[in-house]
Amino acid sequence: MPGGVVPSTPMNHGQVLILREPEIRSLLDANGCLQVVEAAFSAYARGQAELPAVINLEVPEHHGEVHVKAGHLHTRPYYAVKIASGFLDNAHLGLATSDGMVLMFDAKTGAVVGLLLDHGYITDLRTGVAGAVAAKHLGRATVETVAVIGSGVQARYQIRSLALVKKFREVRVWGRHEEKAAVCIQELSRQGLATDLRFVLASSVREAVRGADIVITVTASREPLVQADWVATGALVIAVGSDGPDKQELAVEVLARADRVIADSLPQCLRLGEIHHAVERGAIASDKVTAELGQITAGFKPGRTSDDEIIVCDLTGVGVQDVAAASLVLERALRNGKGERLSL
C-alpha cells in the first residue's frame, strides 16, 4: 500500500505495541494518510475489504455519543477496531470534546498486536483526508472559493487536507459561535497554506455557501443548515458531519437538485447520513446514488464529467479508512522502533 511503508519487524507472539498520541502524530502525516485512505476506498470497491456495520452508542444523560467502526483490507497484515467518542459538554469542563483509540489485531491469528491511544487523532486526520480524496476526484479543476460550515477541529483538518489536492483563493468559515469561528480562521491563517489565501468570517450559512465551488459541512447539526437554492452550479458539496441517523446538515432538496450523489458506503449511507434522510423523505430514490467514492478512485466509474455538475458526496466515515491509517502508524512504528512493547 502507498505511504512509504516498508516491511516491518513482526511483533513477537504475546506482545502488544502501545503507541500514544505524540508518537502517533509523529508517525502519521497528512500526505501518507491521504494515500492509504484513497487506496483503501479503492480496495473496498474491488471487494478486497471487509466493512461491518457501525455501532452507535448514545450516552444521552451526558450528551455523549460513541461510534465503533472496524475494517479489514485483504492481504494486509492487520485488522482494526476503532472506538471514537464525542461529548460536547466537555467544552464547559475544559476537556477535549472528542476521544478515542484503535485496537490492532494480527489478521492471521486474531491476536491483539497494537493499542493506539490516539485520543481521536487518527479519526480526525482520516476524516479530513477523505474530504480531500472526494475533492480530488469530484471537484472542478479550478477552485476559487471554499465554504466550511462548522468551525471545530474537523474544519481545520478539512481545509489543511484540501490544500494537498486543490489550490483555492478564499475560505469562508461559518460557525454557530462567531468567536470560535474567528479563532478557527486565525489558526488556519497561520498554517501557511498559500501566500494569497483569503479567509472570510461568514455571518450566515447562506453567505458562506452562495457562489462557493466547494462546500464542506462539519457540524453535529440535527437539522438542515444548507438549502438547495444557495448551492452554485458546478459546486461540490462534501457532507461530513452526519455520521449518525439523527444528524442532518443538508436540506433533502440539495440532494434532489444535485446532478450526482456519491456515497462512501451506500449501505451505510442508507442507514445514516444525508442520503438516509433524502431517501426516507422521498426526495430521491436510492438509485440516484450513482457511485461510491471507491468506485471512482478505482477507476470503475467517472469522477466529475463537467464543470456544471452539482455533486453531493456523503462521507459518513468507514472502517477501512481507520484500518488503513492505523496500519500505516503501526508499520512505521515497528520500522522505527517506536512505542512501548508490553508482554501479555
C-alpha atoms as a PDB file:
ATOM      1  CA  MET A   1       0.000   0.000   0.000  1.00  0.00           C
ATOM      2  CA  PRO A   2       1.269   3.557  -0.664  1.00  0.00           C
ATOM      3  CA  GLY A   3       2.516   5.832   2.060  1.00  0.00           C
ATOM      4  CA  GLY A   4       6.193   4.956   2.381  1.00  0.00           C
ATOM      5  CA  VAL A   5       5.614   1.748   4.333  1.00  0.00           C
ATOM      6  CA  VAL A   6       8.276  -0.950   4.139  1.00  0.00           C
ATOM      7  CA  PRO A   7       8.087  -4.456   5.578  1.00  0.00           C
ATOM      8  CA  SER A   8       8.139  -4.109   9.348  1.00  0.00           C
ATOM      9  CA  THR A   9       9.695  -6.130  12.135  1.00  0.00           C
ATOM     10  CA  PRO A  10       6.946  -8.515  13.259  1.00  0.00           C
ATOM     11  CA  MET A  11       5.653  -8.447  16.787  1.00  0.00           C
ATOM     12  CA  ASN A  12       6.709 -11.356  18.974  1.00  0.00           C
ATOM     13  CA  HIS A  13       3.900 -13.664  19.997  1.00  0.00           C
ATOM     14  CA  GLY A  14       2.193 -12.384  23.117  1.00  0.00           C
ATOM     15  CA  GLN A  15       3.417  -8.803  22.709  1.00  0.00           C
ATOM     16  CA  VAL A  16       1.352  -5.659  22.207  1.00  0.00           C
ATOM     17  CA  LEU A  17       2.815  -2.398  20.927  1.00  0.00           C
ATOM     18  CA  ILE A  18       1.444   0.614  22.809  1.00  0.00           C
ATOM     19  CA  LEU A  19       1.572   3.931  20.987  1.00  0.00           C
ATOM     20  CA  ARG A  20       0.497   7.226  22.500  1.00  0.00           C
ATOM     21  CA  GLU A  21      -0.786  10.355  20.816  1.00  0.00           C
ATOM     22  CA  PRO A  22       2.533  12.266  20.444  1.00  0.00           C
ATOM     23  CA  GLU A  23       4.169   9.248  18.806  1.00  0.00           C
ATOM     24  CA  ILE A  24       1.147   8.658  16.580  1.00  0.00           C
ATOM     25  CA  ARG A  25       1.164  12.277  15.423  1.00  0.00           C
ATOM     26  CA  SER A  26       4.841  11.977  14.535  1.00  0.00           C
ATOM     27  CA  LEU A  27       4.200   8.810  12.525  1.00  0.00           C
ATOM     28  CA  LEU A  28       1.010   9.752  10.653  1.00  0.00           C
ATOM     29  CA  ASP A  29       1.353  12.667   8.250  1.00  0.00           C
ATOM     30  CA  ALA A  30      -1.451  14.012   6.083  1.00  0.00           C
ATOM     31  CA  ASN A  31       0.123  13.069   2.743  1.00  0.00           C
ATOM     32  CA  GLY A  32       0.771   9.494   3.801  1.00  0.00           C
ATOM     33  CA  CYS A  33      -2.686   9.202   5.318  1.00  0.00           C
ATOM     34  CA  LEU A  34      -4.295  10.540   2.146  1.00  0.00           C
ATOM     35  CA  GLN A  35      -2.538   7.940   0.016  1.00  0.00           C
ATOM     36  CA  VAL A  36      -3.511   4.957   2.135  1.00  0.00           C
ATOM     37  CA  VAL A  37      -7.095   6.152   2.636  1.00  0.00           C
ATOM     38  CA  GLU A  38      -7.556   6.619  -1.108  1.00  0.00           C
ATOM     39  CA  ALA A  39      -6.148   3.133  -1.681  1.00  0.00           C
ATOM     40  CA  ALA A  40      -8.486   1.742   0.985  1.00  0.00           C
ATOM     41  CA  PHE A  41     -11.540   3.215  -0.751  1.00  0.00           C
ATOM     42  CA  SER A  42     -10.394   1.541  -3.973  1.00  0.00           C
ATOM     43  CA  ALA A  43      -9.835  -1.792  -2.215  1.00  0.00           C
ATOM     44  CA  TYR A  44     -13.351  -1.636  -0.781  1.00  0.00           C
ATOM     45  CA  ALA A  45     -14.741  -1.045  -4.288  1.00  0.00           C
ATOM     46  CA  ARG A  46     -12.802  -4.046  -5.612  1.00  0.00           C
ATOM     47  CA  GLY A  47     -14.270  -6.337  -2.965  1.00  0.00           C
ATOM     48  CA  GLN A  48     -10.919  -6.549  -1.199  1.00  0.00           C
ATOM     49  CA  ALA A  49     -12.112  -5.282   2.168  1.00  0.00           C
ATOM     50  CA  GLU A  50     -14.457  -6.221   4.988  1.00  0.00           C
ATOM     51  CA  LEU A  51     -16.648  -3.456   6.387  1.00  0.00           C
ATOM     52  CA  PRO A  52     -19.144  -4.352   9.120  1.00  0.00           C
ATOM     53  CA  ALA A  53     -21.964  -2.085  10.227  1.00  0.00           C
ATOM     54  CA  VAL A  54     -21.229   0.790  12.589  1.00  0.00           C
ATOM     55  CA  ILE A  55     -22.179   0.523  16.251  1.00  0.00           C
ATOM     56  CA  ASN A  56     -23.657   3.801  17.515  1.00  0.00           C
ATOM     57  CA  LEU A  57     -23.912   4.115  21.288  1.00  0.00           C
ATOM     58  CA  GLU A  58     -25.669   7.149  22.777  1.00  0.00           C
ATOM     59  CA  VAL A  59     -24.988   8.442  26.294  1.00  0.00           C
ATOM     60  CA  PRO A  60     -27.902  10.889  26.391  1.00  0.00           C
ATOM     61  CA  GLU A  61     -27.669  11.973  30.013  1.00  0.00           C
ATOM     62  CA  HIS A  62     -24.219  13.429  29.297  1.00  0.00           C
ATOM     63  CA  HIS A  63     -24.837  14.458  25.662  1.00  0.00           C
ATOM     64  CA  GLY A  64     -22.344  11.875  24.508  1.00  0.00           C
ATOM     65  CA  GLU A  65     -22.068   9.586  21.528  1.00  0.00           C
ATOM     66  CA  VAL A  66     -19.735   6.675  20.818  1.00  0.00           C
ATOM     67  CA  HIS A  67     -19.015   5.132  17.418  1.00  0.00           C
ATOM     68  CA  VAL A  68     -17.383   1.730  16.978  1.00  0.00           C
ATOM     69  CA  LYS A  69     -16.048   1.008  13.495  1.00  0.00           C
ATOM     70  CA  ALA A  70     -13.988  -1.884  12.192  1.00  0.00           C
ATOM     71  CA  GLY A  71     -12.341  -2.897   8.960  1.00  0.00           C
ATOM     72  CA  HIS A  72     -10.008  -5.327   7.262  1.00  0.00           C
ATOM     73  CA  LEU A  73      -8.160  -4.920   3.981  1.00  0.00           C
ATOM     74  CA  HIS A  74      -7.478  -8.273   2.338  1.00  0.00           C
ATOM     75  CA  THR A  75      -3.787  -9.253   2.122  1.00  0.00           C
ATOM     76  CA  ARG A  76      -2.893  -6.653   4.747  1.00  0.00           C
ATOM     77  CA  PRO A  77      -1.348  -7.933   7.996  1.00  0.00           C
ATOM     78  CA  TYR A  78      -3.767  -6.269  10.436  1.00  0.00           C
ATOM     79  CA  TYR A  79      -7.404  -5.570  11.019  1.00  0.00           C
ATOM     80  CA  ALA A  80      -8.651  -2.816  13.298  1.00  0.00           C
ATOM     81  CA  VAL A  81     -11.446  -1.858  15.650  1.00  0.00           C
ATOM     82  CA  LYS A  82     -11.787   1.861  16.368  1.00  0.00           C
ATOM     83  CA  ILE A  83     -13.702   3.422  19.248  1.00  0.00           C
ATOM     84  CA  ALA A  84     -14.362   7.164  18.959  1.00  0.00           C
ATOM     85  CA  SER A  85     -16.418   9.339  21.263  1.00  0.00           C
ATOM     86  CA  GLY A  86     -17.808  12.847  21.264  1.00  0.00           C
ATOM     87  CA  PHE A  87     -19.006  14.565  24.442  1.00  0.00           C
ATOM     88  CA  LEU A  88     -19.849  18.156  23.578  1.00  0.00           C
ATOM     89  CA  ASP A  89     -20.410  19.208  27.199  1.00  0.00           C
ATOM     90  CA  ASN A  90     -16.706  18.613  27.842  1.00  0.00           C
ATOM     91  CA  ALA A  91     -16.023  22.073  26.426  1.00  0.00           C
ATOM     92  CA  HIS A  92     -17.626  23.551  29.543  1.00  0.00           C
ATOM     93  CA  LEU A  93     -15.315  21.424  31.694  1.00  0.00           C
ATOM     94  CA  GLY A  94     -12.146  22.455  29.930  1.00  0.00           C
ATOM     95  CA  LEU A  95     -11.795  18.994  28.400  1.00  0.00           C
ATOM     96  CA  ALA A  96     -11.470  17.810  24.802  1.00  0.00           C
ATOM     97  CA  THR A  97     -14.840  17.053  23.258  1.00  0.00           C
ATOM     98  CA  SER A  98     -13.556  14.007  21.365  1.00  0.00           C
ATOM     99  CA  ASP A  99     -11.535  10.970  22.350  1.00  0.00           C
ATOM    100  CA  GLY A 100     -10.747   7.544  21.004  1.00  0.00           C
ATOM    101  CA  MET A 101      -8.419   4.638  20.493  1.00  0.00           C
ATOM    102  CA  VAL A 102      -7.701   1.959  17.897  1.00  0.00           C
ATOM    103  CA  LEU A 103      -7.139  -1.726  18.605  1.00  0.00           C
ATOM    104  CA  MET A 104      -4.974  -3.569  16.061  1.00  0.00           C
ATOM    105  CA  PHE A 105      -5.064  -7.332  15.528  1.00  0.00           C
ATOM    106  CA  ASP A 106      -2.978  -9.825  13.577  1.00  0.00           C
ATOM    107  CA  ALA A 107      -5.091 -10.804  10.561  1.00  0.00           C
ATOM    108  CA  LYS A 108      -3.612 -14.332  10.534  1.00  0.00           C
ATOM    109  CA  THR A 109      -4.207 -15.262  14.164  1.00  0.00           C
ATOM    110  CA  GLY A 110      -6.580 -12.659  15.602  1.00  0.00           C
ATOM    111  CA  ALA A 111      -4.067 -11.840  18.334  1.00  0.00           C
ATOM    112  CA  VAL A 112      -4.035  -8.255  19.562  1.00  0.00           C
ATOM    113  CA  VAL A 113      -0.801  -6.579  18.433  1.00  0.00           C
ATOM    114  CA  GLY A 114      -1.334  -2.856  18.892  1.00  0.00           C
ATOM    115  CA  LEU A 115      -3.034  -0.368  21.156  1.00  0.00           C
ATOM    116  CA  LEU A 116      -3.109   3.093  19.587  1.00  0.00           C
ATOM    117  CA  LEU A 117      -4.039   5.654  22.238  1.00  0.00           C
ATOM    118  CA  ASP A 118      -4.543   8.491  19.778  1.00  0.00           C
ATOM    119  CA  HIS A 119      -7.310  10.488  21.550  1.00  0.00           C
ATOM    120  CA  GLY A 120      -9.141  10.656  18.210  1.00  0.00           C
ATOM    121  CA  TYR A 121      -6.259  11.950  16.079  1.00  0.00           C
ATOM    122  CA  ILE A 122      -6.471   9.079  13.577  1.00  0.00           C
ATOM    123  CA  THR A 123     -10.206   9.662  13.188  1.00  0.00           C
ATOM    124  CA  ASP A 124      -9.699  13.397  12.736  1.00  0.00           C
ATOM    125  CA  LEU A 125      -6.974  13.054  10.124  1.00  0.00           C
ATOM    126  CA  ARG A 126      -8.509  10.203   8.131  1.00  0.00           C
ATOM    127  CA  THR A 127     -11.791  12.144   8.016  1.00  0.00           C
ATOM    128  CA  GLY A 128     -10.001  15.235   6.764  1.00  0.00           C
ATOM    129  CA  VAL A 129      -8.138  13.417   4.018  1.00  0.00           C
ATOM    130  CA  ALA A 130     -11.324  11.618   2.905  1.00  0.00           C
ATOM    131  CA  GLY A 131     -12.731  15.050   2.095  1.00  0.00           C
ATOM    132  CA  ALA A 132      -9.586  15.744   0.095  1.00  0.00           C
ATOM    133  CA  VAL A 133      -9.978  12.465  -1.814  1.00  0.00           C
ATOM    134  CA  ALA A 134     -13.538  13.485  -2.701  1.00  0.00           C
ATOM    135  CA  ALA A 135     -12.384  16.933  -3.822  1.00  0.00           C
ATOM    136  CA  LYS A 136      -9.531  15.469  -5.870  1.00  0.00           C
ATOM    137  CA  HIS A 137     -11.898  13.376  -7.968  1.00  0.00           C
ATOM    138  CA  LEU A 138     -15.152  15.345  -7.811  1.00  0.00           C
ATOM    139  CA  GLY A 139     -14.129  18.991  -7.554  1.00  0.00           C
ATOM    140  CA  ARG A 140     -13.682  21.259 -10.533  1.00  0.00           C
ATOM    141  CA  ALA A 141     -10.140  21.684 -11.843  1.00  0.00           C
ATOM    142  CA  THR A 142     -10.245  25.367 -10.907  1.00  0.00           C
ATOM    143  CA  VAL A 143     -11.434  26.196  -7.403  1.00  0.00           C
ATOM    144  CA  GLU A 144     -11.701  29.772  -6.215  1.00  0.00           C
ATOM    145  CA  THR A 145     -13.869  29.671  -3.089  1.00  0.00           C
ATOM    146  CA  VAL A 146     -14.371  27.074  -0.368  1.00  0.00           C
ATOM    147  CA  ALA A 147     -17.125  27.305   2.251  1.00  0.00           C
ATOM    148  CA  VAL A 148     -16.766  25.500   5.568  1.00  0.00           C
ATOM    149  CA  ILE A 149     -19.915  25.124   7.640  1.00  0.00           C
ATOM    150  CA  GLY A 150     -18.682  24.494  11.159  1.00  0.00           C
ATOM    151  CA  SER A 151     -15.623  25.808  12.966  1.00  0.00           C
ATOM    152  CA  GLY A 152     -14.479  22.930  15.154  1.00  0.00           C
ATOM    153  CA  VAL A 153     -11.459  20.671  14.884  1.00  0.00           C
ATOM    154  CA  GLN A 154     -12.652  18.983  11.701  1.00  0.00           C
ATOM    155  CA  ALA A 155     -12.999  22.301   9.882  1.00  0.00           C
ATOM    156  CA  ARG A 156      -9.267  22.744  10.320  1.00  0.00           C
ATOM    157  CA  TYR A 157      -8.442  19.213   9.147  1.00  0.00           C
ATOM    158  CA  GLN A 158     -10.659  19.561   6.074  1.00  0.00           C
ATOM    159  CA  ILE A 159      -9.021  22.782   4.888  1.00  0.00           C
ATOM    160  CA  ARG A 160      -5.478  21.600   5.571  1.00  0.00           C
ATOM    161  CA  SER A 161      -6.168  18.332   3.735  1.00  0.00           C
ATOM    162  CA  LEU A 162      -7.929  20.055   0.848  1.00  0.00           C
ATOM    163  CA  ALA A 163      -4.821  22.185   0.296  1.00  0.00           C
ATOM    164  CA  LEU A 164      -2.925  18.999  -0.544  1.00  0.00           C
ATOM    165  CA  VAL A 165      -5.025  18.390  -3.664  1.00  0.00           C
ATOM    166  CA  LYS A 166      -6.518  21.748  -4.674  1.00  0.00           C
ATOM    167  CA  LYS A 167      -5.477  25.379  -4.919  1.00  0.00           C
ATOM    168  CA  PHE A 168      -8.067  27.906  -3.767  1.00  0.00           C
ATOM    169  CA  ARG A 169      -8.073  31.622  -3.037  1.00  0.00           C
ATOM    170  CA  GLU A 170     -10.812  32.144  -0.467  1.00  0.00           C
ATOM    171  CA  VAL A 171     -12.136  30.206   2.513  1.00  0.00           C
ATOM    172  CA  ARG A 172     -15.392  31.276   4.116  1.00  0.00           C
ATOM    173  CA  VAL A 173     -15.984  29.920   7.599  1.00  0.00           C
ATOM    174  CA  TRP A 174     -19.337  29.898   9.373  1.00  0.00           C
ATOM    175  CA  GLY A 175     -19.880  28.704  12.928  1.00  0.00           C
ATOM    176  CA  ARG A 176     -22.715  28.923  15.418  1.00  0.00           C
ATOM    177  CA  HIS A 177     -20.414  30.873  17.717  1.00  0.00           C
ATOM    178  CA  GLU A 178     -18.739  33.727  15.886  1.00  0.00           C
ATOM    179  CA  GLU A 179     -15.829  33.927  18.306  1.00  0.00           C
ATOM    180  CA  LYS A 180     -14.965  30.267  17.753  1.00  0.00           C
ATOM    181  CA  ALA A 181     -15.178  30.697  14.001  1.00  0.00           C
ATOM    182  CA  ALA A 182     -12.818  33.667  14.294  1.00  0.00           C
ATOM    183  CA  VAL A 183     -10.314  31.530  16.226  1.00  0.00           C
ATOM    184  CA  CYS A 184     -10.591  28.840  13.549  1.00  0.00           C
ATOM    185  CA  ILE A 185      -9.719  31.406  10.898  1.00  0.00           C
ATOM    186  CA  GLN A 186      -6.785  32.712  12.934  1.00  0.00           C
ATOM    187  CA  GLU A 187      -5.357  29.225  13.310  1.00  0.00           C
ATOM    188  CA  LEU A 188      -5.813  28.343   9.643  1.00  0.00           C
ATOM    189  CA  SER A 189      -4.301  31.637   8.512  1.00  0.00           C
ATOM    190  CA  ARG A 190      -1.129  30.749  10.415  1.00  0.00           C
ATOM    191  CA  GLN A 191      -0.767  27.407   8.614  1.00  0.00           C
ATOM    192  CA  GLY A 192       0.931  28.928   5.557  1.00  0.00           C
ATOM    193  CA  LEU A 193      -1.383  27.061   3.182  1.00  0.00           C
ATOM    194  CA  ALA A 194      -0.939  29.665   0.419  1.00  0.00           C
ATOM    195  CA  THR A 195       0.523  33.155   0.308  1.00  0.00           C
ATOM    196  CA  ASP A 196      -2.556  34.738  -1.306  1.00  0.00           C
ATOM    197  CA  LEU A 197      -5.246  32.781   0.581  1.00  0.00           C
ATOM    198  CA  ARG A 198      -8.036  34.957   1.998  1.00  0.00           C
ATOM    199  CA  PHE A 199     -10.208  33.966   4.947  1.00  0.00           C
ATOM    200  CA  VAL A 200     -13.695  35.367   5.496  1.00  0.00           C
ATOM    201  CA  LEU A 201     -15.820  35.103   8.621  1.00  0.00           C
ATOM    202  CA  ALA A 202     -19.307  34.466   7.225  1.00  0.00           C
ATOM    203  CA  SER A 203     -22.263  35.895   9.124  1.00  0.00           C
ATOM    204  CA  SER A 204     -24.656  33.205   7.892  1.00  0.00           C
ATOM    205  CA  VAL A 205     -24.639  29.792   6.242  1.00  0.00           C
ATOM    206  CA  ARG A 206     -26.158  31.379   3.151  1.00  0.00           C
ATOM    207  CA  GLU A 207     -23.368  33.954   2.920  1.00  0.00           C
ATOM    208  CA  ALA A 208     -20.773  31.196   3.161  1.00  0.00           C
ATOM    209  CA  VAL A 209     -22.371  28.865   0.619  1.00  0.00           C
ATOM    210  CA  ARG A 210     -23.515  31.251  -2.123  1.00  0.00           C
ATOM    211  CA  GLY A 211     -21.110  31.051  -5.071  1.00  0.00           C
ATOM    212  CA  ALA A 212     -18.696  28.616  -3.389  1.00  0.00           C
ATOM    213  CA  ASP A 213     -17.032  25.996  -5.589  1.00  0.00           C
ATOM    214  CA  ILE A 214     -16.678  23.526  -2.708  1.00  0.00           C
ATOM    215  CA  VAL A 215     -18.945  23.411   0.333  1.00  0.00           C
ATOM    216  CA  ILE A 216     -17.818  21.295   3.301  1.00  0.00           C
ATOM    217  CA  THR A 217     -20.187  20.684   6.206  1.00  0.00           C
ATOM    218  CA  VAL A 218     -18.617  19.609   9.502  1.00  0.00           C
ATOM    219  CA  THR A 219     -21.187  20.154  12.234  1.00  0.00           C
ATOM    220  CA  ALA A 220     -23.166  17.972  14.613  1.00  0.00           C
ATOM    221  CA  SER A 221     -26.432  19.539  13.452  1.00  0.00           C
ATOM    222  CA  ARG A 222     -29.718  17.714  13.852  1.00  0.00           C
ATOM    223  CA  GLU A 223     -31.494  19.975  11.365  1.00  0.00           C
ATOM    224  CA  PRO A 224     -30.678  21.147   7.828  1.00  0.00           C
ATOM    225  CA  LEU A 225     -28.303  24.085   7.516  1.00  0.00           C
ATOM    226  CA  VAL A 226     -27.628  24.249   3.767  1.00  0.00           C
ATOM    227  CA  GLN A 227     -30.531  24.988   1.410  1.00  0.00           C
ATOM    228  CA  ALA A 228     -30.665  23.907  -2.220  1.00  0.00           C
ATOM    229  CA  ASP A 229     -31.039  27.333  -3.827  1.00  0.00           C
ATOM    230  CA  TRP A 230     -27.857  28.550  -2.140  1.00  0.00           C
ATOM    231  CA  VAL A 231     -25.686  25.937  -3.896  1.00  0.00           C
ATOM    232  CA  ALA A 232     -23.956  27.217  -7.033  1.00  0.00           C
ATOM    233  CA  THR A 233     -23.973  25.471 -10.387  1.00  0.00           C
ATOM    234  CA  GLY A 234     -20.922  23.208 -10.551  1.00  0.00           C
ATOM    235  CA  ALA A 235     -20.420  23.102  -6.795  1.00  0.00           C
ATOM    236  CA  LEU A 236     -19.176  20.078  -4.901  1.00  0.00           C
ATOM    237  CA  VAL A 237     -20.868  19.587  -1.527  1.00  0.00           C
ATOM    238  CA  ILE A 238     -18.901  17.351   0.845  1.00  0.00           C
ATOM    239  CA  ALA A 239     -21.114  16.365   3.788  1.00  0.00           C
ATOM    240  CA  VAL A 240     -19.046  15.129   6.717  1.00  0.00           C
ATOM    241  CA  GLY A 241     -20.890  15.811   9.948  1.00  0.00           C
ATOM    242  CA  SER A 242     -23.905  13.495   9.595  1.00  0.00           C
ATOM    243  CA  ASP A 243     -22.349  10.336  10.983  1.00  0.00           C
ATOM    244  CA  GLY A 244     -25.452   9.271  12.904  1.00  0.00           C
ATOM    245  CA  PRO A 245     -29.045   8.565  11.863  1.00  0.00           C
ATOM    246  CA  ASP A 246     -30.429  11.675  13.581  1.00  0.00           C
ATOM    247  CA  LYS A 247     -27.831  14.129  12.252  1.00  0.00           C
ATOM    248  CA  GLN A 248     -28.523  16.258   9.182  1.00  0.00           C
ATOM    249  CA  GLU A 249     -26.717  19.213   7.640  1.00  0.00           C
ATOM    250  CA  LEU A 250     -28.248  19.410   4.148  1.00  0.00           C
ATOM    251  CA  ALA A 251     -31.853  20.026   3.218  1.00  0.00           C
ATOM    252  CA  VAL A 252     -33.044  16.985   1.283  1.00  0.00           C
ATOM    253  CA  GLU A 253     -33.678  19.322  -1.665  1.00  0.00           C
ATOM    254  CA  VAL A 254     -29.903  19.738  -2.002  1.00  0.00           C
ATOM    255  CA  LEU A 255     -29.619  16.064  -2.935  1.00  0.00           C
ATOM    256  CA  ALA A 256     -32.712  16.285  -5.128  1.00  0.00           C
ATOM    257  CA  ARG A 257     -31.176  19.199  -7.046  1.00  0.00           C
ATOM    258  CA  ALA A 258     -27.759  17.554  -7.400  1.00  0.00           C
ATOM    259  CA  ASP A 259     -26.809  16.042 -10.745  1.00  0.00           C
ATOM    260  CA  ARG A 260     -24.921  13.266  -8.973  1.00  0.00           C
ATOM    261  CA  VAL A 261     -24.897  11.866  -5.445  1.00  0.00           C
ATOM    262  CA  ILE A 262     -21.891   9.862  -4.231  1.00  0.00           C
ATOM    263  CA  ALA A 263     -21.604   7.748  -1.056  1.00  0.00           C
ATOM    264  CA  ASP A 264     -18.575   6.496   0.801  1.00  0.00           C
ATOM    265  CA  SER A 265     -20.557   3.303   1.503  1.00  0.00           C
ATOM    266  CA  LEU A 266     -24.080   3.115   0.118  1.00  0.00           C
ATOM    267  CA  PRO A 267     -25.338   0.519   2.641  1.00  0.00           C
ATOM    268  CA  GLN A 268     -24.049   2.718   5.466  1.00  0.00           C
ATOM    269  CA  CYS A 269     -25.371   5.948   3.934  1.00  0.00           C
ATOM    270  CA  LEU A 270     -28.832   4.408   3.675  1.00  0.00           C
ATOM    271  CA  ARG A 271     -28.776   3.967   7.453  1.00  0.00           C
ATOM    272  CA  LEU A 272     -27.273   7.323   8.402  1.00  0.00           C
ATOM    273  CA  GLY A 273     -26.031  10.492   6.786  1.00  0.00           C
ATOM    274  CA  GLU A 274     -27.595  12.807   4.220  1.00  0.00           C
ATOM    275  CA  ILE A 275     -28.611  10.091   1.738  1.00  0.00           C
ATOM    276  CA  HIS A 276     -30.544   8.354   4.512  1.00  0.00           C
ATOM    277  CA  HIS A 277     -32.700  11.447   5.100  1.00  0.00           C
ATOM    278  CA  ALA A 278     -33.274  12.185   1.409  1.00  0.00           C
ATOM    279  CA  VAL A 279     -34.343   8.624   0.603  1.00  0.00           C
ATOM    280  CA  GLU A 280     -36.501   8.339   3.707  1.00  0.00           C
ATOM    281  CA  ARG A 281     -38.269  11.607   2.853  1.00  0.00           C
ATOM    282  CA  GLY A 282     -38.797  10.541  -0.769  1.00  0.00           C
ATOM    283  CA  ALA A 283     -36.680  13.415  -2.103  1.00  0.00           C
ATOM    284  CA  ILE A 284     -34.530  10.978  -4.082  1.00  0.00           C
ATOM    285  CA  ALA A 285     -34.589   7.276  -4.918  1.00  0.00           C
ATOM    286  CA  SER A 286     -31.644   5.222  -3.750  1.00  0.00           C
ATOM    287  CA  ASP A 287     -30.626   4.642  -7.370  1.00  0.00           C
ATOM    288  CA  LYS A 288     -29.781   8.356  -7.674  1.00  0.00           C
ATOM    289  CA  VAL A 289     -26.602   7.445  -5.792  1.00  0.00           C
ATOM    290  CA  THR A 290     -24.573   6.788  -8.922  1.00  0.00           C
ATOM    291  CA  ALA A 291     -21.357   5.597  -7.309  1.00  0.00           C
ATOM    292  CA  GLU A 292     -19.406   5.002  -4.156  1.00  0.00           C
ATOM    293  CA  LEU A 293     -16.252   7.057  -3.787  1.00  0.00           C
ATOM    294  CA  GLY A 294     -14.067   3.957  -4.038  1.00  0.00           C
ATOM    295  CA  GLN A 295     -15.577   3.050  -7.416  1.00  0.00           C
ATOM    296  CA  ILE A 296     -14.356   6.418  -8.637  1.00  0.00           C
ATOM    297  CA  THR A 297     -10.874   6.215  -7.075  1.00  0.00           C
ATOM    298  CA  ALA A 298     -10.517   2.688  -8.500  1.00  0.00           C
ATOM    299  CA  GLY A 299     -11.472   3.893 -11.985  1.00  0.00           C
ATOM    300  CA  PHE A 300     -14.664   1.857 -12.254  1.00  0.00           C
ATOM    301  CA  LYS A 301     -16.836   4.958 -12.554  1.00  0.00           C
ATOM    302  CA  PRO A 302     -16.026   8.503 -13.655  1.00  0.00           C
ATOM    303  CA  GLY A 303     -15.322  11.424 -11.377  1.00  0.00           C
ATOM    304  CA  ARG A 304     -16.538  14.872 -12.355  1.00  0.00           C
ATOM    305  CA  THR A 305     -17.572  14.934 -16.013  1.00  0.00           C
ATOM    306  CA  SER A 306     -18.387  18.637 -16.460  1.00  0.00           C
ATOM    307  CA  ASP A 307     -17.876  21.980 -14.736  1.00  0.00           C
ATOM    308  CA  ASP A 308     -21.631  22.438 -14.428  1.00  0.00           C
ATOM    309  CA  GLU A 309     -22.398  19.299 -12.408  1.00  0.00           C
ATOM    310  CA  ILE A 310     -23.628  19.778  -8.862  1.00  0.00           C
ATOM    311  CA  ILE A 311     -22.251  16.837  -6.898  1.00  0.00           C
ATOM    312  CA  VAL A 312     -23.020  15.814  -3.330  1.00  0.00           C
ATOM    313  CA  CYS A 313     -20.599  13.419  -1.634  1.00  0.00           C
ATOM    314  CA  ASP A 314     -21.897  11.886   1.600  1.00  0.00           C
ATOM    315  CA  LEU A 315     -18.972  10.909   3.835  1.00  0.00           C
ATOM    316  CA  THR A 316     -20.232   9.045   6.884  1.00  0.00           C
ATOM    317  CA  GLY A 317     -16.800   7.558   7.686  1.00  0.00           C
ATOM    318  CA  VAL A 318     -15.960   3.911   7.046  1.00  0.00           C
ATOM    319  CA  GLY A 319     -13.804   1.432   8.910  1.00  0.00           C
ATOM    320  CA  VAL A 320     -11.428   0.832   6.004  1.00  0.00           C
ATOM    321  CA  GLN A 321     -10.202   4.397   6.498  1.00  0.00           C
ATOM    322  CA  ASP A 322      -9.359   3.584  10.115  1.00  0.00           C
ATOM    323  CA  VAL A 323      -7.555   0.329   9.416  1.00  0.00           C
ATOM    324  CA  ALA A 324      -5.568   1.922   6.572  1.00  0.00           C
ATOM    325  CA  ALA A 325      -4.407   4.859   8.682  1.00  0.00           C
ATOM    326  CA  ALA A 326      -3.789   2.793  11.816  1.00  0.00           C
ATOM    327  CA  SER A 327      -1.847   0.152   9.865  1.00  0.00           C
ATOM    328  CA  LEU A 328       0.395   2.875   8.479  1.00  0.00           C
ATOM    329  CA  VAL A 329       1.060   4.065  12.024  1.00  0.00           C
ATOM    330  CA  LEU A 330       1.797   0.577  13.331  1.00  0.00           C
ATOM    331  CA  GLU A 331       4.091  -0.400  10.474  1.00  0.00           C
ATOM    332  CA  ARG A 332       6.034   2.854  10.668  1.00  0.00           C
ATOM    333  CA  ALA A 333       6.343   2.440  14.438  1.00  0.00           C
ATOM    334  CA  LEU A 334       7.765  -1.050  14.047  1.00  0.00           C
ATOM    335  CA  ARG A 335      10.125   0.147  11.348  1.00  0.00           C
ATOM    336  CA  ASN A 336      11.425   2.994  13.518  1.00  0.00           C
ATOM    337  CA  GLY A 337      11.438   1.269  16.877  1.00  0.00           C
ATOM    338  CA  LYS A 338       8.704   3.483  18.342  1.00  0.00           C
ATOM    339  CA  GLY A 339       6.289   2.651  21.111  1.00  0.00           C
ATOM    340  CA  GLU A 340       6.288   0.505  24.212  1.00  0.00           C
ATOM    341  CA  ARG A 341       6.163  -3.291  23.939  1.00  0.00           C
ATOM    342  CA  LEU A 342       4.003  -4.949  26.531  1.00  0.00           C
ATOM    343  CA  SER A 343       4.150  -8.692  27.134  1.00  0.00           C
ATOM    344  CA  LEU A 344       0.790 -10.264  27.862  1.00  0.00           C
END
